[in-house]
Amino acid sequence: MVNALNVTMLADSAGIIGLAGASLEGEYFRQVPLKIDPEAVTGLLSEISGTALKLFFALGSKLGSENSIVEISTAELETITHLSKQTVREGLNELQSLGIITRLGPNVRRKYRLNEIYLKRGK
């Protein structure tokens, strides 16, 4: 299994650590996908509604490996979750008030930053 330590050790043994060590490590971490951390979310269960939790997992399913930002429309969230427009809006408001997401950009195709406290890297 390749990990950041192995990449660094290989670069060091090849004599290129000064040239590429940090960038190889950074590249490895950019390729490891972000996902929701179930252990971190467990602490939210007494505070969060089922609707908000469903929306959080829908947003989490769209995470990439670059960062914790997801670009998705409310219509797409409605389709994924089978929730009404009003229910999606209320759930997103709850997620924002709990500090789980931050809304970015215009309403049309909004971006959401998921709080990295509830995320982890890995399979």
N, C-alpha and C. Protein backbone atom coordinates (compact mmCIF):
# COMPACT_ATOMS: atom_id res chain seq x y z
N MET A 1 0.84 -1.18 0.00
CA MET A 1 0.00 0.00 0.00
C MET A 1 0.89 1.25 0.00
N VAL A 2 0.55 2.17 -0.85
CA VAL A 2 1.32 3.41 -0.93
C VAL A 2 0.73 4.41 0.05
N ASN A 3 1.57 5.04 0.82
CA ASN A 3 1.12 6.12 1.68
C ASN A 3 2.14 7.25 1.61
N ALA A 4 1.87 8.33 2.32
CA ALA A 4 2.75 9.50 2.24
C ALA A 4 4.15 9.18 2.72
N LEU A 5 4.27 8.37 3.76
CA LEU A 5 5.59 8.02 4.27
C LEU A 5 6.36 7.23 3.22
N ASN A 6 5.72 6.26 2.57
CA ASN A 6 6.39 5.49 1.52
C ASN A 6 6.83 6.38 0.37
N VAL A 7 5.98 7.30 -0.02
CA VAL A 7 6.32 8.22 -1.11
C VAL A 7 7.55 9.05 -0.74
N THR A 8 7.56 9.55 0.50
CA THR A 8 8.69 10.35 0.96
C THR A 8 9.96 9.52 1.01
N MET A 9 9.86 8.29 1.51
CA MET A 9 11.03 7.42 1.60
C MET A 9 11.57 7.09 0.20
N LEU A 10 10.67 6.85 -0.74
CA LEU A 10 11.11 6.56 -2.12
C LEU A 10 11.81 7.77 -2.72
N ALA A 11 11.24 8.95 -2.51
CA ALA A 11 11.85 10.17 -3.04
C ALA A 11 13.20 10.41 -2.39
N ASP A 12 13.31 10.13 -1.10
CA ASP A 12 14.57 10.31 -0.39
C ASP A 12 15.62 9.34 -0.92
N SER A 13 15.26 8.09 -1.09
CA SER A 13 16.23 7.10 -1.57
C SER A 13 16.66 7.38 -3.01
N ALA A 14 15.80 8.03 -3.76
CA ALA A 14 16.14 8.38 -5.14
C ALA A 14 16.93 9.69 -5.21
N GLY A 15 17.09 10.33 -4.05
CA GLY A 15 17.86 11.57 -4.02
C GLY A 15 17.10 12.78 -4.51
N ILE A 16 15.77 12.71 -4.54
CA ILE A 16 14.99 13.84 -5.04
C ILE A 16 14.11 14.46 -3.96
N ILE A 17 14.36 14.13 -2.70
CA ILE A 17 13.51 14.65 -1.63
C ILE A 17 13.49 16.17 -1.62
N GLY A 18 14.62 16.78 -1.85
CA GLY A 18 14.65 18.25 -1.86
C GLY A 18 13.86 18.82 -3.02
N LEU A 19 13.76 18.09 -4.11
CA LEU A 19 13.06 18.59 -5.28
C LEU A 19 11.57 18.32 -5.23
N ALA A 20 11.20 17.13 -4.76
CA ALA A 20 9.80 16.76 -4.91
C ALA A 20 9.17 16.17 -3.67
N GLY A 21 9.86 16.01 -2.58
CA GLY A 21 9.31 15.34 -1.42
C GLY A 21 7.99 15.90 -0.96
N ALA A 22 7.94 17.17 -0.71
CA ALA A 22 6.71 17.78 -0.21
C ALA A 22 5.60 17.72 -1.25
N SER A 23 5.94 17.94 -2.52
CA SER A 23 4.90 17.93 -3.53
C SER A 23 4.37 16.52 -3.77
N LEU A 24 5.22 15.51 -3.66
CA LEU A 24 4.75 14.13 -3.78
C LEU A 24 3.79 13.81 -2.65
N GLU A 25 4.13 14.22 -1.44
CA GLU A 25 3.28 13.99 -0.30
C GLU A 25 1.94 14.71 -0.49
N GLY A 26 2.00 15.95 -0.89
CA GLY A 26 0.78 16.72 -1.13
C GLY A 26 -0.08 16.11 -2.21
N GLU A 27 0.55 15.63 -3.27
CA GLU A 27 -0.18 14.99 -4.37
C GLU A 27 -0.90 13.74 -3.88
N TYR A 28 -0.23 12.97 -3.04
CA TYR A 28 -0.86 11.76 -2.49
C TYR A 28 -2.13 12.13 -1.72
N PHE A 29 -2.03 13.13 -0.86
CA PHE A 29 -3.19 13.50 -0.05
C PHE A 29 -4.31 14.09 -0.89
N ARG A 30 -3.99 14.76 -2.00
CA ARG A 30 -5.03 15.29 -2.88
C ARG A 30 -5.78 14.17 -3.58
N GLN A 31 -5.18 12.99 -3.71
CA GLN A 31 -5.83 11.89 -4.39
C GLN A 31 -6.66 11.02 -3.44
N VAL A 32 -6.47 11.15 -2.14
CA VAL A 32 -7.22 10.38 -1.17
C VAL A 32 -8.56 11.08 -0.94
N PRO A 33 -9.65 10.38 -1.19
CA PRO A 33 -10.96 11.04 -1.11
C PRO A 33 -11.35 11.43 0.31
N LEU A 34 -12.09 12.52 0.40
CA LEU A 34 -12.70 12.92 1.66
C LEU A 34 -14.02 12.19 1.82
N LYS A 35 -14.38 11.88 3.05
CA LYS A 35 -15.68 11.28 3.31
C LYS A 35 -16.13 11.68 4.71
N ILE A 36 -17.39 11.45 4.97
CA ILE A 36 -17.94 11.76 6.28
C ILE A 36 -17.39 10.77 7.30
N ASP A 37 -17.01 11.28 8.45
CA ASP A 37 -16.47 10.46 9.53
C ASP A 37 -17.62 10.07 10.47
N PRO A 38 -18.05 8.80 10.43
CA PRO A 38 -19.19 8.37 11.25
C PRO A 38 -18.98 8.61 12.75
N GLU A 39 -17.76 8.46 13.21
CA GLU A 39 -17.49 8.68 14.64
C GLU A 39 -17.73 10.13 15.04
N ALA A 40 -17.33 11.05 14.18
CA ALA A 40 -17.53 12.47 14.46
C ALA A 40 -19.01 12.83 14.42
N VAL A 41 -19.75 12.22 13.50
CA VAL A 41 -21.17 12.51 13.33
C VAL A 41 -21.98 11.96 14.51
N THR A 42 -21.51 10.90 15.14
CA THR A 42 -22.23 10.31 16.27
C THR A 42 -22.52 11.34 17.34
N GLY A 43 -21.61 12.26 17.56
CA GLY A 43 -21.82 13.32 18.54
C GLY A 43 -22.94 14.28 18.19
N LEU A 44 -23.34 14.30 16.93
CA LEU A 44 -24.40 15.21 16.48
C LEU A 44 -25.79 14.62 16.64
N LEU A 45 -25.90 13.33 16.81
CA LEU A 45 -27.19 12.66 16.71
C LEU A 45 -28.26 13.19 17.66
N SER A 46 -27.86 13.67 18.81
CA SER A 46 -28.85 14.22 19.74
C SER A 46 -29.30 15.63 19.34
N GLU A 47 -28.56 16.28 18.46
CA GLU A 47 -28.86 17.67 18.09
C GLU A 47 -29.49 17.82 16.71
N ILE A 48 -29.28 16.88 15.82
CA ILE A 48 -29.62 17.05 14.41
C ILE A 48 -30.89 16.27 14.05
N SER A 49 -31.70 16.88 13.19
CA SER A 49 -32.91 16.19 12.72
C SER A 49 -32.55 15.15 11.67
N GLY A 50 -33.45 14.24 11.43
CA GLY A 50 -33.25 13.23 10.39
C GLY A 50 -33.10 13.86 9.01
N THR A 51 -33.87 14.91 8.76
CA THR A 51 -33.80 15.61 7.48
C THR A 51 -32.42 16.21 7.26
N ALA A 52 -31.92 16.92 8.26
CA ALA A 52 -30.61 17.56 8.14
C ALA A 52 -29.52 16.50 7.98
N LEU A 53 -29.63 15.41 8.71
CA LEU A 53 -28.65 14.33 8.60
C LEU A 53 -28.67 13.73 7.19
N LYS A 54 -29.87 13.53 6.65
CA LYS A 54 -30.01 13.01 5.29
C LYS A 54 -29.35 13.95 4.28
N LEU A 55 -29.55 15.24 4.43
CA LEU A 55 -28.94 16.22 3.54
C LEU A 55 -27.42 16.24 3.68
N PHE A 56 -26.94 16.11 4.92
CA PHE A 56 -25.50 16.08 5.16
C PHE A 56 -24.87 14.89 4.44
N PHE A 57 -25.50 13.73 4.53
CA PHE A 57 -24.97 12.56 3.84
C PHE A 57 -25.08 12.70 2.32
N ALA A 58 -26.13 13.37 1.84
CA ALA A 58 -26.25 13.62 0.40
C ALA A 58 -25.12 14.54 -0.07
N LEU A 59 -24.83 15.58 0.70
CA LEU A 59 -23.71 16.47 0.37
C LEU A 59 -22.39 15.70 0.45
N GLY A 60 -22.24 14.90 1.47
CA GLY A 60 -21.02 14.11 1.64
C GLY A 60 -20.78 13.14 0.51
N SER A 61 -21.85 12.65 -0.09
CA SER A 61 -21.70 11.71 -1.20
C SER A 61 -21.11 12.37 -2.45
N LYS A 62 -21.12 13.69 -2.46
CA LYS A 62 -20.60 14.45 -3.60
C LYS A 62 -19.20 15.00 -3.37
N LEU A 63 -18.59 14.68 -2.22
CA LEU A 63 -17.24 15.15 -1.92
C LEU A 63 -16.22 14.57 -2.88
N GLY A 64 -15.23 15.36 -3.21
CA GLY A 64 -14.10 14.88 -4.01
C GLY A 64 -12.88 14.73 -3.13
N SER A 65 -11.73 14.77 -3.73
CA SER A 65 -10.50 14.62 -2.94
C SER A 65 -9.76 15.94 -2.76
N GLU A 66 -10.18 16.97 -3.47
CA GLU A 66 -9.46 18.25 -3.41
C GLU A 66 -9.72 19.04 -2.14
N ASN A 67 -11.01 19.18 -1.77
CA ASN A 67 -11.35 19.98 -0.60
C ASN A 67 -12.74 19.60 -0.10
N SER A 68 -13.22 20.33 0.88
CA SER A 68 -14.50 20.00 1.50
C SER A 68 -15.66 20.80 0.90
N ILE A 69 -15.50 21.28 -0.33
CA ILE A 69 -16.53 22.07 -0.99
C ILE A 69 -17.29 21.22 -2.00
N VAL A 70 -18.62 21.31 -1.92
CA VAL A 70 -19.50 20.58 -2.83
C VAL A 70 -20.34 21.61 -3.58
N GLU A 71 -20.42 21.47 -4.89
CA GLU A 71 -21.29 22.34 -5.69
C GLU A 71 -22.49 21.53 -6.14
N ILE A 72 -23.68 21.98 -5.71
CA ILE A 72 -24.90 21.23 -6.03
C ILE A 72 -26.10 22.17 -5.91
N SER A 73 -27.10 21.96 -6.73
CA SER A 73 -28.31 22.79 -6.66
C SER A 73 -29.30 22.17 -5.68
N THR A 74 -30.23 23.01 -5.22
CA THR A 74 -31.25 22.47 -4.32
C THR A 74 -32.13 21.46 -5.06
N ALA A 75 -32.33 21.68 -6.35
CA ALA A 75 -33.12 20.71 -7.15
C ALA A 75 -32.44 19.34 -7.15
N GLU A 76 -31.11 19.32 -7.27
CA GLU A 76 -30.40 18.05 -7.22
C GLU A 76 -30.53 17.41 -5.84
N LEU A 77 -30.46 18.23 -4.79
CA LEU A 77 -30.63 17.70 -3.43
C LEU A 77 -32.04 17.13 -3.24
N GLU A 78 -33.03 17.81 -3.82
CA GLU A 78 -34.41 17.31 -3.76
C GLU A 78 -34.51 15.94 -4.43
N THR A 79 -33.86 15.80 -5.59
CA THR A 79 -33.90 14.53 -6.33
C THR A 79 -33.19 13.42 -5.57
N ILE A 80 -32.01 13.71 -5.05
CA ILE A 80 -31.22 12.70 -4.34
C ILE A 80 -31.94 12.22 -3.08
N THR A 81 -32.53 13.16 -2.34
CA THR A 81 -33.09 12.84 -1.03
C THR A 81 -34.59 12.54 -1.04
N HIS A 82 -35.25 12.88 -2.15
CA HIS A 82 -36.72 12.75 -2.26
C HIS A 82 -37.42 13.61 -1.22
N LEU A 83 -36.85 14.78 -0.94
CA LEU A 83 -37.44 15.75 -0.03
C LEU A 83 -37.98 16.93 -0.83
N SER A 84 -38.95 17.63 -0.28
CA SER A 84 -39.51 18.80 -0.95
C SER A 84 -38.52 19.97 -0.89
N LYS A 85 -38.78 20.96 -1.74
CA LYS A 85 -37.92 22.15 -1.78
C LYS A 85 -37.87 22.82 -0.40
N GLN A 86 -39.03 23.00 0.23
CA GLN A 86 -39.10 23.64 1.53
C GLN A 86 -38.34 22.83 2.60
N THR A 87 -38.48 21.52 2.56
CA THR A 87 -37.80 20.66 3.54
C THR A 87 -36.29 20.71 3.34
N VAL A 88 -35.84 20.73 2.08
CA VAL A 88 -34.41 20.86 1.79
C VAL A 88 -33.90 22.18 2.34
N ARG A 89 -34.62 23.25 2.09
CA ARG A 89 -34.22 24.58 2.56
C ARG A 89 -34.12 24.60 4.09
N GLU A 90 -35.10 24.03 4.77
CA GLU A 90 -35.09 24.00 6.23
C GLU A 90 -33.93 23.15 6.76
N GLY A 91 -33.68 22.02 6.10
CA GLY A 91 -32.57 21.16 6.51
C GLY A 91 -31.22 21.83 6.33
N LEU A 92 -31.05 22.54 5.22
CA LEU A 92 -29.80 23.27 4.97
C LEU A 92 -29.62 24.39 5.99
N ASN A 93 -30.72 25.07 6.34
CA ASN A 93 -30.66 26.11 7.38
C ASN A 93 -30.20 25.51 8.70
N GLU A 94 -30.72 24.33 9.03
CA GLU A 94 -30.33 23.66 10.28
C GLU A 94 -28.85 23.30 10.25
N LEU A 95 -28.39 22.74 9.12
CA LEU A 95 -26.97 22.38 9.00
C LEU A 95 -26.08 23.60 9.18
N GLN A 96 -26.50 24.72 8.60
CA GLN A 96 -25.70 25.93 8.73
C GLN A 96 -25.74 26.45 10.17
N SER A 97 -26.89 26.42 10.81
CA SER A 97 -26.98 26.93 12.18
C SER A 97 -26.18 26.07 13.16
N LEU A 98 -26.02 24.78 12.84
CA LEU A 98 -25.21 23.88 13.68
C LEU A 98 -23.72 23.98 13.36
N GLY A 99 -23.36 24.74 12.32
CA GLY A 99 -21.96 24.90 11.94
C GLY A 99 -21.41 23.71 11.16
N ILE A 100 -22.29 22.90 10.60
CA ILE A 100 -21.88 21.71 9.85
C ILE A 100 -21.53 22.07 8.41
N ILE A 101 -22.23 23.06 7.86
CA ILE A 101 -21.94 23.55 6.51
C ILE A 101 -21.86 25.06 6.53
N THR A 102 -21.23 25.59 5.49
CA THR A 102 -21.24 27.03 5.21
C THR A 102 -21.66 27.19 3.77
N ARG A 103 -22.64 28.03 3.53
CA ARG A 103 -23.08 28.28 2.16
C ARG A 103 -22.13 29.26 1.51
N LEU A 104 -21.80 28.98 0.24
CA LEU A 104 -20.91 29.84 -0.53
C LEU A 104 -21.57 30.16 -1.86
N GLY A 105 -21.48 31.39 -2.31
CA GLY A 105 -21.94 31.75 -3.65
C GLY A 105 -23.44 31.95 -3.77
N PRO A 106 -23.91 32.11 -5.03
CA PRO A 106 -25.32 32.41 -5.30
C PRO A 106 -26.22 31.20 -5.09
N ASN A 107 -27.53 31.47 -5.06
CA ASN A 107 -28.52 30.42 -4.85
C ASN A 107 -28.65 29.43 -6.00
N VAL A 108 -28.36 29.86 -7.21
CA VAL A 108 -28.63 29.05 -8.40
C VAL A 108 -27.93 27.69 -8.33
N ARG A 109 -26.66 27.69 -8.26
CA ARG A 109 -25.90 26.45 -8.10
C ARG A 109 -24.90 26.72 -6.99
N ARG A 110 -25.39 26.64 -5.80
CA ARG A 110 -24.63 27.03 -4.62
C ARG A 110 -23.55 26.01 -4.30
N LYS A 111 -22.52 26.52 -3.66
CA LYS A 111 -21.46 25.66 -3.13
C LYS A 111 -21.63 25.60 -1.63
N TYR A 112 -21.29 24.45 -1.08
CA TYR A 112 -21.37 24.24 0.36
C TYR A 112 -20.02 23.75 0.85
N ARG A 113 -19.51 24.38 1.89
CA ARG A 113 -18.27 23.90 2.52
C ARG A 113 -18.69 23.08 3.73
N LEU A 114 -18.30 21.81 3.74
CA LEU A 114 -18.59 20.95 4.86
C LEU A 114 -17.51 21.13 5.91
N ASN A 115 -17.92 21.26 7.15
CA ASN A 115 -16.99 21.45 8.25
C ASN A 115 -16.09 20.23 8.35
N GLU A 116 -14.79 20.44 8.26
CA GLU A 116 -13.84 19.33 8.20
C GLU A 116 -13.75 18.55 9.52
N ILE A 117 -14.35 19.05 10.57
CA ILE A 117 -14.40 18.29 11.83
C ILE A 117 -15.16 16.98 11.60
N TYR A 118 -16.10 16.99 10.67
CA TYR A 118 -16.94 15.82 10.43
C TYR A 118 -16.49 14.98 9.22
N LEU A 119 -15.27 15.26 8.74
CA LEU A 119 -14.76 14.57 7.56
C LEU A 119 -13.45 13.87 7.88
N LYS A 120 -13.11 12.89 7.07
CA LYS A 120 -11.81 12.25 7.16
C LYS A 120 -11.38 11.80 5.77
N ARG A 121 -10.11 11.52 5.61
CA ARG A 121 -9.61 11.02 4.34
C ARG A 121 -9.49 9.51 4.41
N GLY A 122 -9.79 8.87 3.31
CA GLY A 122 -9.65 7.42 3.25
C GLY A 122 -10.78 6.77 2.49
N LYS A 123 -10.70 5.46 2.44
CA LYS A 123 -11.71 4.70 1.71
C LYS A 123 -12.92 4.46 2.56
